[in-house]
Protein backbone atom coordinates (compact mmCIF):
# COMPACT_ATOMS: atom_id res chain seq x y z
CA MET A 1 -22.25 -10.26 19.98
CA LYS A 2 -25.45 -8.26 20.40
CA ALA A 3 -27.69 -7.58 17.40
CA ASP A 4 -27.53 -3.85 18.13
CA PHE A 5 -23.82 -3.86 17.43
CA LEU A 6 -24.37 -5.23 13.90
CA PHE A 7 -27.56 -3.46 12.85
CA LYS A 8 -27.73 -0.10 14.66
CA ASN A 9 -25.58 3.02 14.60
CA ILE A 10 -24.64 3.78 18.23
CA ASN A 11 -21.36 5.73 18.35
CA GLN A 12 -18.49 6.53 16.02
CA LYS A 13 -16.17 3.66 17.00
CA GLN A 14 -19.02 1.15 16.90
CA ILE A 15 -20.27 2.47 13.53
CA ILE A 16 -16.83 2.14 11.94
CA ALA A 17 -16.39 -1.35 13.43
CA LYS A 18 -19.89 -2.42 12.37
CA ASN A 19 -19.49 -1.16 8.82
CA PHE A 20 -16.02 -2.65 8.54
CA PHE A 21 -17.40 -5.98 9.79
CA TRP A 22 -20.20 -6.09 7.21
CA LEU A 23 -18.02 -4.98 4.32
CA SER A 24 -15.29 -7.38 5.38
CA PHE A 25 -17.69 -10.28 5.81
CA SER A 26 -19.31 -9.87 2.40
CA GLN A 27 -16.26 -8.77 0.45
CA ILE A 28 -13.77 -11.23 1.92
CA SER A 29 -16.09 -14.23 1.83
CA GLY A 30 -17.33 -13.14 -1.59
CA ARG A 31 -13.83 -12.63 -2.94
CA ILE A 32 -12.75 -15.99 -1.56
CA LEU A 33 -15.60 -17.68 -3.40
CA LYS A 34 -14.82 -15.76 -6.56
CA ALA A 35 -11.12 -16.52 -6.18
CA ILE A 36 -11.94 -20.23 -6.00
CA LEU A 37 -14.03 -19.81 -9.15
CA ILE A 38 -11.22 -17.96 -10.94
CA ILE A 39 -8.65 -20.57 -9.90
CA LEU A 40 -10.94 -23.31 -11.16
CA ALA A 41 -11.57 -21.37 -14.40
CA ALA A 42 -7.84 -20.89 -14.95
CA ARG A 43 -7.27 -24.63 -14.52
CA ILE A 44 -10.23 -25.87 -16.61
CA LEU A 45 -10.18 -23.25 -19.38
CA GLY A 46 -6.39 -23.13 -19.69
CA ALA A 47 -4.15 -20.08 -19.99
CA SER A 48 -5.35 -19.06 -23.48
CA GLU A 49 -9.13 -19.20 -22.89
CA TYR A 50 -8.78 -17.71 -19.41
CA GLY A 51 -6.57 -15.02 -20.93
CA ARG A 52 -9.41 -14.02 -23.28
CA PHE A 53 -11.80 -13.77 -20.33
CA SER A 54 -9.38 -11.60 -18.35
CA LEU A 55 -8.65 -9.38 -21.34
CA SER A 56 -12.40 -8.83 -21.89
CA LEU A 57 -12.84 -7.71 -18.28
CA SER A 58 -9.88 -5.35 -18.58
CA ILE A 59 -11.17 -3.79 -21.81
CA LEU A 60 -14.58 -3.14 -20.26
CA SER A 61 -13.05 -1.70 -17.12
CA LEU A 62 -11.05 0.82 -19.13
CA PHE A 63 -14.03 1.93 -21.21
CA PHE A 64 -16.31 2.20 -18.19
CA VAL A 65 -13.99 4.67 -16.52
CA PHE A 66 -16.30 7.32 -17.99
CA ALA A 67 -19.43 5.81 -16.46
CA ASP A 68 -19.11 7.26 -12.96
CA LEU A 69 -16.45 9.99 -12.76
CA GLY A 70 -16.63 9.98 -8.99
CA ILE A 71 -20.33 10.81 -8.76
CA SER A 72 -21.01 7.88 -6.42
CA SER A 73 -18.29 9.05 -4.02
CA LEU A 74 -19.57 12.62 -4.19
CA VAL A 75 -23.03 11.38 -3.22
CA THR A 76 -21.55 9.64 -0.17
CA ARG A 77 -19.59 12.72 0.90
CA GLU A 78 -22.34 15.29 0.36
CA LEU A 79 -25.25 13.29 1.77
CA SER A 80 -23.23 12.34 4.86
CA LYS A 81 -22.92 16.06 5.57
CA LYS A 82 -26.75 16.33 5.68
CA ILE A 83 -26.87 19.12 3.08
CA LYS A 84 -30.15 21.02 2.64
CA GLU A 85 -30.65 20.11 -1.03
CA SER A 86 -30.00 16.41 -0.54
CA LYS A 87 -32.94 15.24 -2.67
CA GLU A 88 -32.07 17.62 -5.47
CA TYR A 89 -28.40 16.67 -5.30
CA LEU A 90 -29.22 12.96 -5.42
CA SER A 91 -31.63 13.30 -8.35
CA THR A 92 -29.32 15.47 -10.41
CA SER A 93 -26.44 13.09 -9.73
CA PHE A 94 -28.59 10.19 -10.90
CA TYR A 95 -29.37 11.86 -14.23
CA LEU A 96 -25.70 12.70 -14.82
CA LYS A 97 -24.72 9.16 -13.90
CA SER A 98 -27.27 7.74 -16.36
CA LEU A 99 -25.95 9.88 -19.22
CA LEU A 100 -22.37 8.80 -18.51
CA LEU A 101 -23.42 5.16 -18.39
CA ILE A 102 -25.11 5.40 -21.80
CA PHE A 103 -21.99 7.08 -23.19
CA SER A 104 -19.79 4.24 -21.93
CA ILE A 105 -22.06 1.58 -23.40
CA ILE A 106 -21.90 3.30 -26.79
CA LEU A 107 -18.09 3.39 -26.58
CA VAL A 108 -17.94 -0.36 -25.93
CA ILE A 109 -20.26 -1.08 -28.87
CA LEU A 110 -18.14 1.08 -31.18
CA ALA A 111 -14.98 -0.63 -29.92
CA GLN A 112 -16.28 -3.92 -31.29
CA PHE A 113 -15.15 -2.81 -34.77
CA PHE A 114 -11.53 -2.69 -33.58
CA ILE A 115 -11.38 -6.03 -31.73
CA PRO A 116 -9.89 -8.59 -34.14
CA SER A 117 -11.10 -11.76 -32.40
CA ASN A 118 -14.76 -12.79 -32.77
CA LYS A 119 -14.55 -14.86 -29.58
CA LEU A 120 -13.28 -11.84 -27.70
CA LYS A 121 -16.11 -9.68 -29.09
CA GLU A 122 -18.75 -12.14 -27.86
CA ILE A 123 -17.29 -12.27 -24.36
CA VAL A 124 -17.08 -8.47 -24.17
CA LEU A 125 -20.75 -8.07 -25.16
CA VAL A 126 -21.93 -10.58 -22.56
CA LEU A 127 -19.84 -8.99 -19.81
CA LEU A 128 -21.17 -5.58 -20.86
CA ILE A 129 -24.46 -6.51 -19.13
CA MET A 130 -22.64 -7.18 -15.86
CA THR A 131 -20.45 -4.08 -16.09
CA ALA A 132 -23.37 -1.74 -16.79
CA LEU A 133 -25.50 -3.08 -13.94
CA GLU A 134 -22.61 -3.07 -11.47
CA ASN A 135 -22.01 0.55 -12.39
CA ILE A 136 -25.57 1.46 -11.39
CA ILE A 137 -25.24 -0.60 -8.22
CA SER A 138 -22.11 1.37 -7.29
CA PHE A 139 -24.27 4.51 -7.32
CA PHE A 140 -26.66 2.79 -4.92
CA TYR A 141 -23.69 1.93 -2.71
CA GLY A 142 -22.89 5.65 -2.56
CA ILE A 143 -26.31 6.30 -1.03
CA ILE A 144 -26.03 3.41 1.42
CA ARG A 145 -22.59 4.53 2.60
CA SER A 146 -23.87 8.05 3.28
CA THR A 147 -26.30 6.52 5.79
CA GLU A 148 -23.52 4.30 7.20
CA LYS A 149 -25.72 1.20 6.82
CA MET A 150 -23.21 -1.06 5.08
CA GLU A 151 -25.17 -4.16 6.04
CA LYS A 152 -27.43 -3.36 3.07
CA GLU A 153 -24.45 -3.07 0.74
CA SER A 154 -23.19 -6.41 2.00
CA LEU A 155 -26.50 -8.09 1.20
CA ILE A 156 -26.50 -6.75 -2.36
CA TYR A 157 -22.89 -7.67 -3.03
CA PHE A 158 -23.08 -11.14 -1.48
CA SER A 159 -26.24 -11.94 -3.45
CA GLU A 160 -24.38 -11.23 -6.69
CA ILE A 161 -21.49 -13.42 -5.58
CA ILE A 162 -23.67 -16.37 -4.63
CA VAL A 163 -25.49 -16.39 -7.98
CA SER A 164 -22.47 -15.72 -10.21
CA VAL A 165 -20.20 -18.19 -8.40
CA GLY A 166 -22.89 -20.88 -8.24
CA LEU A 167 -23.64 -20.56 -11.95
CA GLY A 168 -19.92 -20.29 -12.66
CA PHE A 169 -19.22 -23.65 -11.05
CA PHE A 170 -22.10 -25.16 -13.00
CA VAL A 171 -20.92 -23.96 -16.42
CA LEU A 172 -17.26 -24.82 -15.76
CA PHE A 173 -18.12 -28.42 -14.90
CA ASN A 174 -20.74 -28.85 -17.61
CA PHE A 175 -20.24 -26.30 -20.43
CA PRO A 176 -16.72 -24.88 -19.93
CA SER A 177 -16.00 -21.76 -21.97
CA ALA A 178 -15.11 -18.13 -21.30
CA LYS A 179 -18.40 -16.99 -22.85
CA ASN A 180 -20.53 -19.20 -20.58
CA LEU A 181 -18.55 -18.01 -17.56
CA ALA A 182 -19.30 -14.45 -18.66
CA TRP A 183 -23.03 -15.26 -18.66
CA ALA A 184 -22.74 -16.53 -15.08
CA TYR A 185 -21.20 -13.20 -14.05
CA SER A 186 -23.90 -11.19 -15.82
CA LEU A 187 -26.80 -13.16 -14.32
CA GLY A 188 -25.36 -12.55 -10.85
CA ALA A 189 -25.32 -8.81 -11.56
CA ILE A 190 -28.96 -8.91 -12.67
CA VAL A 191 -30.03 -10.51 -9.37
CA ALA A 192 -28.01 -7.99 -7.32
CA PHE A 193 -29.53 -5.10 -9.27
CA LEU A 194 -33.08 -6.28 -8.51
CA ILE A 195 -32.29 -6.65 -4.79
CA ALA A 196 -30.76 -3.16 -4.75
CA LEU A 197 -33.93 -1.72 -6.30
CA ILE A 198 -36.01 -3.33 -3.55
CA LEU A 199 -33.79 -2.07 -0.71
CA LEU A 200 -33.63 1.46 -2.11
CA ARG A 201 -37.18 1.70 -3.43
CA LYS A 202 -37.93 4.78 -1.32
CA TYR A 203 -35.32 6.68 -3.35
CA LEU A 204 -36.83 5.87 -6.75
CA LYS A 205 -39.16 8.87 -6.70
CA ILE A 206 -36.29 11.13 -5.67
CA PHE A 207 -34.20 9.87 -8.60
CA PHE A 208 -36.68 11.00 -11.20
CA PHE A 209 -38.55 14.03 -9.82
CA TYR A 210 -36.08 16.32 -8.02
CA PHE A 211 -33.68 17.22 -10.83
CA GLN A 212 -32.18 20.71 -10.48
CA LYS A 213 -30.42 22.22 -13.46
CA LYS A 214 -28.48 24.66 -11.28
CA LEU A 215 -26.73 21.74 -9.52
CA VAL A 216 -25.33 20.30 -12.74
CA LYS A 217 -22.48 22.80 -12.86
CA LYS A 218 -21.60 22.28 -9.18
CA ILE A 219 -21.55 18.50 -9.48
CA ALA A 220 -19.57 18.67 -12.73
CA LEU A 221 -16.96 20.99 -11.19
CA ASP A 222 -16.65 18.75 -8.14
CA ALA A 223 -16.55 15.61 -10.25
CA TRP A 224 -14.11 16.50 -13.03
CA PRO A 225 -11.02 15.69 -10.95
CA PHE A 226 -12.66 12.31 -10.30
CA ALA A 227 -12.97 11.81 -14.03
CA PHE A 228 -9.25 12.15 -14.32
CA LEU A 229 -8.72 10.20 -11.11
CA ALA A 230 -10.91 7.34 -12.30
CA LEU A 231 -9.19 7.26 -15.68
CA VAL A 232 -5.68 7.02 -14.26
CA GLY A 233 -6.87 4.60 -11.56
CA ARG A 234 -8.16 2.24 -14.22
CA ILE A 235 -4.97 2.68 -16.22
CA LEU A 236 -2.90 1.75 -13.18
CA THR A 237 -5.10 -1.31 -12.54
CA TYR A 238 -5.74 -2.70 -16.02
CA THR A 239 -3.15 -1.25 -18.39
CA ASP A 240 -0.73 -4.11 -17.70
CA VAL A 241 -3.15 -6.79 -18.88
CA VAL A 242 -4.29 -4.82 -21.94
CA MET A 243 -0.73 -3.90 -22.99
CA ILE A 244 0.50 -7.48 -22.54
CA GLY A 245 -2.35 -8.60 -24.79
CA PHE A 246 -1.66 -6.07 -27.52
CA LEU A 247 2.16 -5.89 -27.33
CA LEU A 248 2.95 -9.58 -26.92
CA LYS A 249 -0.18 -10.82 -28.76
CA LYS A 250 -0.30 -14.10 -26.83
CA SER A 251 -3.41 -14.78 -24.76
CA TYR A 252 -1.65 -17.41 -22.64
CA LEU A 253 0.77 -14.72 -21.37
CA VAL A 254 -2.24 -12.64 -20.34
CA GLY A 255 -3.42 -15.70 -18.42
CA LEU A 256 -0.04 -16.17 -16.72
CA TYR A 257 -0.03 -12.54 -15.60
CA SER A 258 -3.71 -12.36 -14.66
CA ALA A 259 -3.67 -15.43 -12.41
CA PRO A 260 -1.39 -13.98 -9.67
CA LEU A 261 -2.88 -10.52 -10.24
CA ARG A 262 -6.28 -11.86 -9.15
CA ILE A 263 -4.77 -13.07 -5.88
CA ILE A 264 -3.05 -9.74 -5.25
CA THR A 265 -6.19 -7.69 -5.93
CA PHE A 266 -7.97 -9.82 -3.32
CA PHE A 267 -5.44 -8.55 -0.78
CA TYR A 268 -6.38 -4.95 -1.63
CA LEU A 269 -9.66 -5.48 0.19
CA PRO A 270 -8.69 -4.52 3.77
CA ALA A 271 -7.61 -1.01 2.72
CA ILE A 272 -10.60 -0.51 0.42
CA LEU A 273 -13.07 -1.64 3.08
CA LEU A 274 -11.48 0.35 5.89
CA ALA A 275 -11.31 3.49 3.75
CA ALA A 276 -15.00 3.14 2.87
CA SER A 277 -15.85 2.63 6.55
CA ILE A 278 -13.98 5.68 7.84
CA LEU A 279 -14.83 8.15 5.04
CA PRO A 280 -18.04 9.56 6.61
CA SER A 281 -16.32 9.97 10.00
CA LEU A 282 -13.22 11.37 8.34
CA SER A 283 -15.27 13.98 6.49
CA ARG A 284 -16.72 15.19 9.81
CA LYS A 285 -13.40 15.07 11.70
CA ILE A 286 -11.80 17.42 9.17
CA ILE A 287 -13.95 20.17 10.66
CA ASP A 288 -12.46 19.91 14.18
CA LYS A 289 -8.94 18.96 12.98
CA SER A 290 -8.89 15.58 14.75
CA GLU A 291 -8.51 13.42 11.65
CA ILE A 292 -4.80 12.60 12.05
CA VAL A 293 -5.46 10.21 14.95
CA LEU A 294 -7.93 8.22 12.85
CA ILE A 295 -5.50 8.20 9.92
CA LYS A 296 -2.60 6.92 12.04
CA LYS A 297 -4.67 4.14 13.60
CA SER A 298 -5.90 3.11 10.17
CA LEU A 299 -2.37 2.97 8.76
CA VAL A 300 -1.05 0.93 11.68
CA PHE A 301 -3.95 -1.52 11.38
CA LEU A 302 -3.40 -1.95 7.63
CA SER A 303 0.36 -2.35 8.10
CA ALA A 304 -0.36 -5.18 10.53
CA ILE A 305 -2.03 -6.93 7.59
CA ALA A 306 0.30 -5.89 4.76
CA LEU A 307 3.71 -6.65 6.25
CA PRO A 308 3.07 -10.32 7.15
CA LEU A 309 1.32 -10.84 3.80
CA ILE A 310 4.39 -9.56 1.98
CA ALA A 311 6.82 -11.55 4.12
CA GLY A 312 4.85 -14.77 3.75
CA GLY A 313 4.12 -14.18 0.07
CA LEU A 314 7.78 -13.73 -0.80
CA ILE A 315 8.77 -16.90 1.04
CA LEU A 316 5.92 -19.05 -0.30
CA SER A 317 5.33 -17.58 -3.79
CA ARG A 318 6.24 -20.77 -5.67
CA GLU A 319 4.19 -22.98 -3.35
CA ILE A 320 1.15 -20.66 -3.60
CA ILE A 321 1.12 -20.65 -7.42
CA LEU A 322 1.57 -24.42 -7.69
CA PHE A 323 -1.11 -25.07 -5.08
CA LEU A 324 -3.68 -22.74 -6.64
CA PHE A 325 -3.08 -22.94 -10.38
CA GLY A 326 -0.86 -25.94 -11.09
CA GLN A 327 2.35 -26.55 -13.02
CA GLU A 328 1.11 -24.69 -16.14
CA TYR A 329 1.26 -21.40 -14.21
CA LEU A 330 4.63 -21.90 -12.48
CA ALA A 331 6.11 -18.93 -14.38
CA SER A 332 3.57 -16.75 -12.53
CA ALA A 333 5.52 -17.14 -9.25
CA LYS A 334 7.91 -14.32 -10.23
CA ILE A 335 4.95 -12.07 -11.02
CA PHE A 336 3.37 -12.87 -7.66
CA SER A 337 6.60 -12.02 -5.80
CA LEU A 338 6.82 -8.61 -7.46
CA LEU A 339 3.15 -7.67 -7.24
CA ILE A 340 2.78 -8.59 -3.57
CA LEU A 341 5.27 -5.83 -2.73
CA VAL A 342 2.72 -3.34 -4.10
CA ILE A 343 0.30 -4.10 -1.25
CA PHE A 344 2.10 -2.04 1.41
CA PHE A 345 2.36 1.06 -0.77
CA LEU A 346 -1.17 0.74 -2.11
CA TYR A 347 -2.68 0.47 1.39
CA PHE A 348 -1.15 3.83 2.28
CA ILE A 349 -2.16 5.39 -1.05
CA ILE A 350 -5.80 4.39 -0.53
CA ILE A 351 -5.99 5.93 2.95
CA PHE A 352 -4.07 9.06 1.91
CA SER A 353 -6.31 9.59 -1.12
CA HIS A 354 -9.43 9.35 1.05
CA LEU A 355 -7.95 11.93 3.41
CA LEU A 356 -7.35 14.33 0.51
CA PHE A 357 -10.85 13.61 -0.74
CA ALA A 358 -12.30 14.48 2.67
CA TYR A 359 -10.38 17.77 2.45
CA ASN A 360 -11.91 18.32 -1.00
CA PHE A 361 -8.43 18.06 -2.55
CA GLN A 362 -9.44 15.64 -5.29
CA LYS A 363 -7.36 17.67 -7.77
CA LYS A 364 -4.27 16.57 -5.88
CA ASN A 365 -5.47 12.97 -6.04
CA ALA A 366 -5.93 13.31 -9.79
CA LEU A 367 -2.50 14.86 -10.25
CA PHE A 368 -0.61 12.24 -8.24
CA LEU A 369 -2.36 9.27 -9.80
CA SER A 370 -2.05 10.70 -13.30
CA LEU A 371 1.70 11.06 -12.91
CA SER A 372 1.89 7.48 -11.67
CA ALA A 373 -0.25 6.28 -14.59
CA LEU A 374 1.99 8.03 -17.11
CA ILE A 375 5.06 6.42 -15.56
CA ASN A 376 3.27 3.05 -15.57
CA VAL A 377 2.39 3.27 -19.27
CA PHE A 378 5.87 4.52 -20.21
CA LEU A 379 7.60 1.75 -18.25
CA ASN A 380 5.23 -0.86 -19.68
CA PHE A 381 6.22 0.09 -23.23
CA ILE A 382 9.89 -0.26 -22.33
CA LEU A 383 9.88 -3.19 -19.91
CA ILE A 384 7.23 -5.46 -21.49
CA SER A 385 9.12 -5.51 -24.79
CA ARG A 386 12.35 -6.38 -22.97
CA PHE A 387 11.28 -8.55 -20.03
CA GLY A 388 7.79 -9.74 -21.01
CA ILE A 389 5.23 -10.12 -18.23
CA VAL A 390 7.93 -9.63 -15.58
CA GLY A 391 8.45 -6.15 -17.05
CA ALA A 392 4.76 -5.36 -16.56
CA ALA A 393 5.00 -6.31 -12.88
CA LEU A 394 8.11 -4.14 -12.45
CA ALA A 395 6.33 -1.20 -14.09
CA THR A 396 3.43 -1.54 -11.66
CA LEU A 397 5.74 -1.73 -8.64
CA PHE A 398 7.85 1.30 -9.62
CA SER A 399 4.81 3.46 -10.41
CA GLN A 400 3.10 2.61 -7.10
CA VAL A 401 6.24 3.41 -5.08
CA PHE A 402 6.45 6.76 -6.85
CA CYS A 403 2.78 7.43 -6.13
CA PHE A 404 3.25 6.51 -2.46
CA PHE A 405 5.93 9.15 -1.94
CA LEU A 406 3.84 11.82 -3.69
CA PHE A 407 0.96 11.20 -1.30
CA LEU A 408 3.18 10.83 1.76
CA PHE A 409 4.82 14.24 1.35
CA GLU A 410 1.50 15.92 0.55
CA VAL A 411 -0.13 14.56 3.70
CA LYS A 412 2.92 15.68 5.68
CA LYS A 413 2.46 19.16 4.20
CA ILE A 414 -1.25 19.28 5.11
CA GLU A 415 -1.04 17.83 8.62
CA LYS A 416 2.30 19.50 9.55
CA THR A 417 3.56 16.13 10.78
CA TRP A 418 4.34 12.67 9.44
CA PRO A 419 1.14 10.60 9.44
CA ILE A 420 3.14 7.58 10.56
CA THR A 421 6.74 6.65 11.35
CA PHE A 422 8.77 3.47 11.55
CA PHE A 423 8.54 3.75 15.34
CA ASP A 424 4.76 3.21 15.02
CA LEU A 425 5.34 0.07 12.93
CA ARG A 426 8.45 -1.36 14.58
CA LYS A 427 6.67 -4.17 16.47
CA ILE A 428 4.69 -5.21 13.39
CA PHE A 429 7.82 -5.12 11.24
CA PHE A 430 9.90 -7.31 13.55
CA ALA A 431 7.01 -9.74 14.12
CA SER A 432 6.69 -10.13 10.33
CA LEU A 433 10.45 -10.54 9.93
CA LEU A 434 10.63 -13.25 12.59
CA MET A 435 7.65 -15.00 11.01
CA ALA A 436 9.51 -15.04 7.67
CA VAL A 437 12.58 -16.58 9.31
CA PHE A 438 10.51 -19.35 10.88
CA LEU A 439 8.71 -19.99 7.56
CA CYS A 440 12.07 -20.49 5.85
CA LEU A 441 12.94 -23.10 8.46
CA LEU A 442 9.52 -24.79 8.27
CA LYS A 443 9.82 -25.11 4.47
CA LEU A 444 12.73 -27.46 5.03
CA PHE A 445 10.29 -30.02 6.49
CA SER A 446 8.12 -29.99 3.31
CA PHE A 447 4.88 -29.14 5.12
CA PRO A 448 1.81 -28.65 2.88
CA LEU A 449 1.03 -25.01 2.04
CA PRO A 450 -2.11 -24.70 4.24
CA ILE A 451 -0.13 -25.88 7.26
CA LEU A 452 2.71 -23.45 6.49
CA ILE A 453 0.24 -20.56 6.26
CA PHE A 454 -1.48 -21.58 9.49
CA LEU A 455 1.81 -21.92 11.38
CA GLY A 456 3.06 -18.63 9.94
CA ALA A 457 -0.07 -16.83 11.15
CA LEU A 458 0.28 -18.32 14.63
CA ILE A 459 3.94 -17.32 14.84
CA TYR A 460 3.13 -13.77 13.71
CA LEU A 461 0.32 -13.37 16.26
CA PHE A 462 2.53 -14.82 18.99
CA PHE A 463 5.18 -12.18 18.41
CA LEU A 464 2.56 -9.41 18.24
CA PHE A 465 1.32 -10.49 21.70
CA LEU A 466 4.89 -10.82 22.94
CA PHE A 467 5.72 -7.29 21.76
CA ARG A 468 2.39 -5.97 23.15
CA GLU A 469 1.32 -4.37 19.88
CA SER A 470 -1.37 -1.74 20.60
CA THR A 471 -3.44 -2.69 17.53
CA LEU A 472 -4.48 -5.93 19.24
CA LYS A 473 -5.70 -3.94 22.24
CA GLU A 474 -7.77 -1.65 19.98
CA ILE A 475 -9.43 -4.65 18.35
CA ARG A 476 -10.22 -6.25 21.73
CA GLU A 477 -11.79 -3.01 22.99
CA ILE A 478 -14.06 -2.75 19.95
CA PHE A 479 -15.38 -6.29 20.36
CA ARG A 480 -15.70 -5.86 24.13
CA GLN A 481 -18.04 -2.90 23.44
């Protein structure tokens, strides 16, 4: 592969492929390393101590919903359009972002008075360092993505992973505690922040000296739907863990739920990375009404990942939990089986929401996600009390399915056609189904989990080639270029 392909912007297809490669390389390898760390932490710390760590992360994530309000995404969208007042827009956005960050930090400090556990308070304060710095880094990512140079974002992110995971392994083997693990995370964020400052040093002057008061109103009006969007997004992501902690009041149950949730959130990556890679191109394609082709190709590609993951995950849920977390977490297998179904619907929601964002329909995004969040919270209150952590997983699944249909019909309304049909996915669906059948047969021979996964992947790819799935041809053409 030529260096130009990985480090230069040549044409649209190459740019999307290059950015997707870099984001995938850093995020997937980074998430794998972090997943190994989390699995190790869950085993060494136990369900109760790991539950406190997970609850601390969830609390911070909910409070820091106010720290961005979509400003980073707005920076990506507006700067990618090469607007005239780009310096002024960037500087004003930075000042607004800084004020929101300070507000969120104050909220977390005040929340300390309402957290009953002293151990939990200490972990929250340590992780506050990481959360605040990562929030600033996300603003830097917005700038990098507007230039479509995701190789820089990958460097920043992977640097944080290497430091935090390396230190995490060290503390788990030598000084195991949730608080020490939190320090490992925060030190990784400090290193990433310093690297980001170096890579974006030419923007530092712009941050501080081009503020325009007249742009505050415009950015605020554009961003307020994101405020709502971010709030309900965080509710959908973290409300289960927080409500389990406060309704059931048992940290080990938080640990049992959080363990499979960490695996599932890793599988969200393909849609998140692809959406980030296509957003600049999508924003430009809206102008000439050619965006539907890009949307359909993206959905087919993501379905080729989601459907076999779901099929394999349902068949091997028990084996996966035992292999990764051990006998103590066996009850998590049911949670894994329910949450993995969310992947298909969430992949579509992520792409659809980016399409609406490119159309400047973020109010629709906010409305749909807010309705889903309300349903999620309502169902959590009912189902957690009755079914425990299984009820939380059911609430998440039902709310995401509801959200999927809201987005699907809205995109149909905008584009005057269905963005995708079963006919587009038929080969992928049947290849996944046949893979599941073969996995059921292979389980009878008691193969180890890694071998089952490897054989399942080979069987799936074999049937994709046999059915001549067009997605494989698209991928070959990109790498041939």
